[in-house]
N, C-alpha and C. Protein backbone atom coordinates (compact mmCIF):
# COMPACT_ATOMS: atom_id res chain seq x y z
N MET A 1 -39.39 19.43 -24.17
CA MET A 1 -39.21 19.85 -22.52
C MET A 1 -37.85 20.00 -22.79
N ALA A 2 -37.63 21.14 -21.71
CA ALA A 2 -36.14 21.40 -21.48
C ALA A 2 -35.57 20.58 -20.10
N GLY A 3 -34.46 20.00 -20.43
CA GLY A 3 -33.74 19.16 -19.49
C GLY A 3 -32.68 19.78 -18.59
N ALA A 4 -32.31 19.18 -17.69
CA ALA A 4 -31.07 19.77 -16.93
C ALA A 4 -29.60 20.09 -17.81
N ASP A 5 -29.56 19.28 -18.79
CA ASP A 5 -28.39 19.50 -19.46
C ASP A 5 -28.57 20.51 -20.78
N ASP A 6 -30.00 21.12 -20.99
CA ASP A 6 -30.07 22.10 -21.80
C ASP A 6 -29.38 23.67 -21.37
N ASN A 7 -29.78 23.85 -20.05
CA ASN A 7 -29.02 24.86 -19.71
C ASN A 7 -28.16 24.97 -18.29
N PRO A 8 -26.85 24.33 -18.74
CA PRO A 8 -25.79 24.05 -17.68
C PRO A 8 -25.48 25.13 -16.94
N ILE A 9 -25.35 25.13 -15.66
CA ILE A 9 -24.69 26.16 -14.71
C ILE A 9 -23.30 25.94 -14.35
N TYR A 10 -22.61 27.10 -14.71
CA TYR A 10 -21.08 26.85 -14.12
C TYR A 10 -20.86 27.53 -12.53
N GLU A 11 -20.54 26.83 -11.95
CA GLU A 11 -20.50 27.32 -10.33
C GLU A 11 -19.06 27.99 -10.26
N ALA A 12 -18.76 29.08 -10.59
CA ALA A 12 -17.85 29.88 -10.65
C ALA A 12 -17.52 30.34 -8.86
N LEU A 13 -16.04 30.59 -8.58
CA LEU A 13 -16.19 30.89 -7.08
C LEU A 13 -16.13 32.49 -7.34
N VAL A 14 -16.14 32.91 -5.79
CA VAL A 14 -16.55 34.43 -5.69
C VAL A 14 -14.86 34.99 -5.46
N ILE A 15 -14.67 35.98 -5.90
CA ILE A 15 -13.60 36.96 -5.41
C ILE A 15 -13.63 37.44 -4.19
N PRO A 16 -12.67 37.08 -3.21
CA PRO A 16 -13.09 37.63 -1.89
C PRO A 16 -13.18 39.42 -2.19
N ASN A 17 -13.95 39.61 -1.38
CA ASN A 17 -13.94 41.42 -1.02
C ASN A 17 -12.69 42.01 -1.03
N GLU A 18 -11.77 41.41 0.02
CA GLU A 18 -10.46 42.14 0.49
C GLU A 18 -9.66 42.25 -0.86
N ALA A 19 -9.53 41.02 -1.61
CA ALA A 19 -9.03 41.32 -3.00
C ALA A 19 -9.68 42.42 -3.79
N LEU A 20 -10.83 42.57 -3.83
CA LEU A 20 -11.37 43.36 -4.84
C LEU A 20 -11.00 44.94 -4.36
N ASP A 21 -11.12 44.91 -2.94
CA ASP A 21 -10.94 46.33 -2.35
C ASP A 21 -9.40 46.89 -2.86
N LYS A 22 -8.55 45.93 -2.50
CA LYS A 22 -7.09 46.20 -2.67
C LYS A 22 -6.41 46.15 -4.33
N GLY A 23 -7.25 45.68 -5.30
CA GLY A 23 -6.91 45.54 -6.48
C GLY A 23 -5.89 44.41 -6.69
N GLY A 24 -5.54 44.19 -7.69
CA GLY A 24 -4.57 42.87 -8.05
C GLY A 24 -4.85 42.48 -9.43
N VAL A 25 -4.35 41.14 -9.63
CA VAL A 25 -4.31 40.74 -10.88
C VAL A 25 -4.61 39.29 -10.74
N GLU A 26 -5.59 38.72 -11.33
CA GLU A 26 -5.87 37.21 -11.25
C GLU A 26 -4.81 36.31 -12.10
N ILE A 27 -4.29 35.48 -11.44
CA ILE A 27 -3.10 34.61 -12.17
C ILE A 27 -3.53 33.43 -12.60
N LEU A 28 -4.58 32.80 -12.24
CA LEU A 28 -4.92 31.56 -12.40
C LEU A 28 -6.51 31.29 -12.08
N ARG A 29 -7.27 30.52 -13.09
CA ARG A 29 -8.40 29.98 -12.79
C ARG A 29 -8.65 28.87 -13.44
N ALA A 30 -9.56 27.56 -12.78
CA ALA A 30 -9.26 26.32 -13.11
C ALA A 30 -11.06 26.00 -12.97
N GLY A 31 -11.23 25.29 -14.08
CA GLY A 31 -12.46 24.66 -13.66
C GLY A 31 -12.57 23.11 -14.36
N ILE A 32 -13.54 22.61 -13.64
CA ILE A 32 -13.80 21.05 -14.14
C ILE A 32 -15.25 20.97 -15.15
N VAL A 33 -15.39 20.68 -16.37
CA VAL A 33 -16.39 20.45 -16.76
C VAL A 33 -16.48 19.25 -17.73
N LYS A 34 -17.44 18.44 -17.19
CA LYS A 34 -17.85 17.02 -17.63
C LYS A 34 -16.10 16.03 -17.67
N ASP A 35 -15.42 16.15 -16.58
CA ASP A 35 -14.37 15.39 -16.16
C ASP A 35 -12.98 16.17 -16.63
N GLU A 36 -13.19 17.28 -17.61
CA GLU A 36 -12.24 17.81 -18.55
C GLU A 36 -11.90 19.13 -17.59
N LEU A 37 -10.36 19.26 -17.50
CA LEU A 37 -9.79 20.76 -16.61
C LEU A 37 -9.48 21.65 -17.95
N TYR A 38 -10.12 22.64 -17.43
CA TYR A 38 -10.12 24.00 -18.25
C TYR A 38 -9.38 24.88 -17.36
N VAL A 39 -8.13 25.59 -18.03
CA VAL A 39 -7.37 26.49 -17.20
C VAL A 39 -7.12 27.78 -18.17
N THR A 40 -7.25 29.01 -17.18
CA THR A 40 -6.66 30.01 -17.94
C THR A 40 -5.61 30.36 -16.94
N ALA A 41 -4.44 31.10 -17.54
CA ALA A 41 -3.39 31.63 -16.53
C ALA A 41 -2.43 32.65 -17.26
N ARG A 42 -1.86 33.59 -16.54
CA ARG A 42 -0.98 34.40 -16.91
C ARG A 42 0.59 34.03 -16.50
N ARG A 43 1.27 34.40 -17.40
CA ARG A 43 2.67 34.45 -17.06
C ARG A 43 3.07 34.79 -15.46
N ALA A 44 2.61 35.99 -15.05
CA ALA A 44 2.61 36.76 -13.81
C ALA A 44 4.04 37.14 -13.41
N PHE A 45 4.91 36.10 -13.57
CA PHE A 45 6.54 36.28 -12.74
C PHE A 45 7.58 36.21 -14.01
N ASP A 46 8.56 37.13 -13.72
CA ASP A 46 9.63 36.76 -14.55
C ASP A 46 10.26 35.52 -14.39
N ASP A 47 10.18 34.97 -13.13
CA ASP A 47 10.93 33.68 -12.62
C ASP A 47 9.83 32.77 -12.63
N PRO A 48 9.77 31.68 -13.56
CA PRO A 48 8.95 30.57 -13.12
C PRO A 48 8.89 29.73 -12.35
N GLY A 49 9.91 29.93 -11.58
CA GLY A 49 10.08 29.14 -10.41
C GLY A 49 9.27 29.66 -9.19
N MET A 50 8.64 31.12 -9.29
CA MET A 50 7.56 31.41 -8.51
C MET A 50 6.49 30.60 -8.66
N TRP A 51 6.27 29.83 -9.74
CA TRP A 51 4.96 29.21 -9.68
C TRP A 51 5.10 27.87 -9.04
N GLY A 52 6.06 27.67 -8.75
CA GLY A 52 6.24 26.55 -7.48
C GLY A 52 6.07 26.78 -6.21
N GLU A 53 6.20 28.30 -5.94
CA GLU A 53 5.75 28.62 -4.63
C GLU A 53 4.25 29.02 -4.58
N VAL A 54 3.71 29.18 -5.70
CA VAL A 54 2.41 29.75 -5.65
C VAL A 54 1.50 28.26 -5.76
N LEU A 55 2.06 27.25 -6.33
CA LEU A 55 1.11 25.84 -6.39
C LEU A 55 1.49 25.37 -4.81
N GLY A 56 2.92 25.76 -4.19
CA GLY A 56 2.88 24.86 -2.94
C GLY A 56 2.15 25.75 -1.99
N GLU A 57 1.57 26.93 -1.98
CA GLU A 57 0.74 27.73 -0.99
C GLU A 57 -0.73 27.05 -1.21
N LEU A 58 -0.93 26.96 -2.76
CA LEU A 58 -2.29 26.41 -3.05
C LEU A 58 -2.55 25.28 -2.64
N THR A 59 -1.46 24.09 -2.76
CA THR A 59 -1.72 22.98 -1.92
C THR A 59 -1.89 22.81 -0.77
N ARG A 60 -1.42 23.82 0.47
CA ARG A 60 -1.43 23.83 1.71
C ARG A 60 -2.75 24.39 1.86
N ARG A 61 -3.13 25.20 1.07
CA ARG A 61 -4.68 25.92 1.48
C ARG A 61 -5.97 24.76 0.95
N VAL A 62 -5.30 23.84 -0.16
CA VAL A 62 -6.60 22.77 -0.36
C VAL A 62 -6.55 21.85 0.68
N ALA A 63 -5.29 21.53 1.16
CA ALA A 63 -5.12 20.40 2.50
C ALA A 63 -5.95 20.97 3.46
N ARG A 64 -5.84 22.27 3.86
CA ARG A 64 -6.65 22.87 5.04
C ARG A 64 -8.23 22.75 4.80
N ILE A 65 -8.52 22.93 3.39
CA ILE A 65 -10.16 22.61 3.17
C ILE A 65 -10.66 21.05 3.66
N TYR A 66 -9.80 20.44 3.07
CA TYR A 66 -10.02 18.76 3.67
C TYR A 66 -10.00 18.66 4.83
N ALA A 67 -9.06 19.15 5.57
CA ALA A 67 -8.88 19.11 7.04
C ALA A 67 -10.14 19.43 7.70
N ALA A 68 -10.60 20.88 7.24
CA ALA A 68 -11.84 21.45 8.00
C ALA A 68 -12.93 20.62 7.88
N GLU A 69 -13.22 19.71 6.97
CA GLU A 69 -14.34 19.12 6.93
C GLU A 69 -14.11 17.64 7.59
N GLY A 70 -13.08 17.45 8.30
CA GLY A 70 -12.66 16.24 9.17
C GLY A 70 -12.51 15.07 8.64
N LYS A 71 -12.66 14.62 7.18
CA LYS A 71 -12.55 13.45 6.90
C LYS A 71 -11.15 13.01 6.50
N TYR A 72 -10.20 14.29 6.49
CA TYR A 72 -8.65 13.79 6.33
C TYR A 72 -8.04 14.75 7.39
N THR A 73 -6.80 14.49 7.99
CA THR A 73 -6.20 15.38 8.41
C THR A 73 -5.38 16.07 7.53
N HIS A 74 -4.77 17.28 8.16
CA HIS A 74 -4.03 18.01 7.20
C HIS A 74 -2.96 17.50 6.70
N LYS A 75 -2.17 16.74 7.54
CA LYS A 75 -0.90 15.88 7.07
C LYS A 75 -1.34 15.13 5.70
N ASP A 76 -2.33 14.29 5.98
CA ASP A 76 -2.80 13.09 4.88
C ASP A 76 -3.20 13.71 3.88
N ALA A 77 -3.97 14.60 4.12
CA ALA A 77 -4.56 15.40 2.65
C ALA A 77 -3.25 16.17 1.87
N LEU A 78 -2.63 16.68 2.81
CA LEU A 78 -1.39 17.09 2.01
C LEU A 78 -0.42 16.31 1.36
N ALA A 79 -0.14 15.14 2.23
CA ALA A 79 0.43 14.14 1.34
C ALA A 79 -0.05 13.12 0.19
N ALA A 80 -1.66 13.15 0.14
CA ALA A 80 -2.06 12.60 -0.98
C ALA A 80 -2.24 13.63 -2.36
N ILE A 81 -2.27 15.03 -1.97
CA ILE A 81 -2.29 15.95 -2.87
C ILE A 81 -0.82 15.97 -3.67
N GLU A 82 0.28 15.80 -2.63
CA GLU A 82 1.55 16.07 -3.41
C GLU A 82 1.92 14.82 -3.79
N GLY A 83 1.43 13.41 -3.56
CA GLY A 83 1.76 12.30 -4.20
C GLY A 83 1.09 12.22 -5.52
N ALA A 84 -0.30 12.85 -5.68
CA ALA A 84 -0.79 12.79 -6.87
C ALA A 84 0.01 13.57 -7.70
N TYR A 85 0.38 14.78 -7.36
CA TYR A 85 0.95 15.91 -8.14
C TYR A 85 2.50 15.44 -8.47
N ALA A 86 2.84 14.72 -8.03
CA ALA A 86 4.38 13.99 -8.13
C ALA A 86 4.09 13.13 -9.46
N ALA A 87 3.36 12.07 -9.15
CA ALA A 87 2.75 11.05 -10.25
C ALA A 87 2.51 12.13 -11.65
N GLU A 88 1.80 12.74 -11.18
CA GLU A 88 1.14 13.62 -12.80
C GLU A 88 2.39 14.34 -13.39
N LEU A 89 3.37 14.42 -12.50
CA LEU A 89 4.65 15.35 -13.39
C LEU A 89 5.69 13.99 -13.55
N GLY A 90 5.28 12.90 -13.43
CA GLY A 90 6.20 11.84 -13.97
C GLY A 90 7.09 11.34 -12.82
N ALA A 91 6.78 11.84 -11.40
CA ALA A 91 7.89 11.39 -10.53
C ALA A 91 7.90 9.75 -10.03
N PRO A 92 8.66 8.90 -9.76
CA PRO A 92 8.49 7.97 -9.42
C PRO A 92 7.68 7.73 -8.21
N ALA A 93 6.85 6.69 -8.05
CA ALA A 93 6.10 6.19 -6.81
C ALA A 93 6.93 6.22 -5.61
N VAL A 94 6.55 7.12 -4.43
CA VAL A 94 7.24 6.95 -3.11
C VAL A 94 6.65 6.51 -2.08
N SER A 95 7.02 5.37 -1.42
CA SER A 95 6.16 4.71 -0.33
C SER A 95 6.18 5.79 0.90
N ALA A 96 5.28 5.48 1.87
CA ALA A 96 5.18 6.11 2.84
C ALA A 96 6.48 6.31 3.57
N PRO A 97 6.96 7.57 4.34
CA PRO A 97 8.08 7.30 4.90
C PRO A 97 7.95 6.64 6.02
N ARG A 98 9.24 5.98 6.61
CA ARG A 98 9.35 4.99 7.75
C ARG A 98 9.49 5.97 8.94
N LYS A 99 9.05 5.66 10.02
CA LYS A 99 9.47 6.30 11.46
C LYS A 99 10.82 5.71 11.84
N SER A 100 11.72 7.13 11.17
CA SER A 100 13.01 6.64 11.93
C SER A 100 13.38 7.90 12.29
N ARG A 101 14.83 8.02 12.69
CA ARG A 101 15.47 9.32 13.53
C ARG A 101 15.78 10.27 12.02
N GLY A 102 15.81 9.66 10.93
CA GLY A 102 16.14 10.49 9.58
C GLY A 102 17.29 9.66 9.03
N SER A 103 17.45 9.78 7.54
CA SER A 103 18.30 9.25 6.84
C SER A 103 19.19 10.41 6.28
N ALA A 104 20.28 9.94 5.70
CA ALA A 104 21.09 10.77 4.86
C ALA A 104 20.15 11.57 3.97
N ARG A 105 19.50 10.68 3.21
CA ARG A 105 18.66 11.36 2.25
C ARG A 105 17.83 12.73 2.72
N THR A 106 17.27 12.23 4.05
CA THR A 106 16.34 13.28 4.30
C THR A 106 16.90 14.57 4.73
N THR A 107 18.13 14.23 5.42
CA THR A 107 18.94 15.38 5.92
C THR A 107 19.50 16.34 4.74
N LYS A 108 19.86 15.52 3.58
CA LYS A 108 20.30 16.29 2.46
C LYS A 108 19.45 17.12 2.00
N ARG A 109 17.95 16.60 1.84
CA ARG A 109 16.83 17.34 1.34
C ARG A 109 16.67 18.59 2.30
N LYS A 110 16.85 18.47 3.60
CA LYS A 110 16.55 19.47 4.36
C LYS A 110 17.64 20.53 4.37
N THR A 111 19.01 20.42 4.23
CA THR A 111 19.98 21.22 3.82
C THR A 111 19.76 21.95 2.54
N ALA A 112 19.50 21.08 1.45
CA ALA A 112 19.16 21.87 0.12
C ALA A 112 18.03 22.92 0.07
N ARG A 113 16.77 22.54 1.30
CA ARG A 113 16.11 23.62 1.29
C ARG A 113 16.28 24.87 1.90
N ALA A 114 16.97 24.39 3.07
CA ALA A 114 17.54 25.77 3.86
C ALA A 114 18.63 26.61 2.85
N LYS A 115 19.40 26.11 1.91
CA LYS A 115 20.02 26.84 1.19
C LYS A 115 19.56 27.36 -0.02
N LYS A 116 18.34 27.16 -0.33
CA LYS A 116 17.73 27.46 -1.59
C LYS A 116 17.45 29.27 -1.48
N ALA A 117 18.00 29.78 -2.79
CA ALA A 117 17.98 31.11 -2.60
C ALA A 117 16.53 31.48 -2.87
N PRO A 118 16.00 32.70 -2.62
CA PRO A 118 14.78 33.49 -2.41
C PRO A 118 14.43 33.57 -4.01
N ARG A 119 13.17 33.43 -4.38
CA ARG A 119 12.76 33.72 -5.53
C ARG A 119 12.43 34.93 -6.14
N GLY A 120 12.46 35.35 -7.03
CA GLY A 120 12.01 36.84 -7.63
C GLY A 120 10.68 37.43 -7.28
N LYS A 121 10.45 38.33 -7.36
CA LYS A 121 9.08 39.11 -7.11
C LYS A 121 8.31 38.84 -8.43
N PRO A 122 7.02 39.06 -8.20
CA PRO A 122 6.29 39.24 -9.17
C PRO A 122 6.15 40.12 -10.22
N ARG A 123 6.08 40.14 -11.41
CA ARG A 123 6.06 41.14 -12.44
C ARG A 123 4.92 42.05 -12.30
N ARG A 124 5.15 43.40 -12.34
CA ARG A 124 4.15 44.67 -12.08
C ARG A 124 3.92 45.26 -13.50
């Protein structure tokens, strides 16, 4: 008798029709199989910093999915993803921010973000 594991099914996401109509290039695909992450990616950009922008946008979109389901707020989902991402990259653990009027560290961070130069465009 054939069991469920004999013919495993991979549940791939569908590419949106709008993307198919406009054309383009897939830059990232990820899947989980038996708790193992599988990834294919293209270099895609001349400036590797563009990947930070892509991953930031992906993070916001995933947080919106959790918020839409109602178990988390967008802010809480975003904070959980950011914390896990930072930890995975080896950043030290950061406790939840205290409610205050802001610190010098926060002000410096905001100023640094405002001065950040725009990144390069995708390679074609």
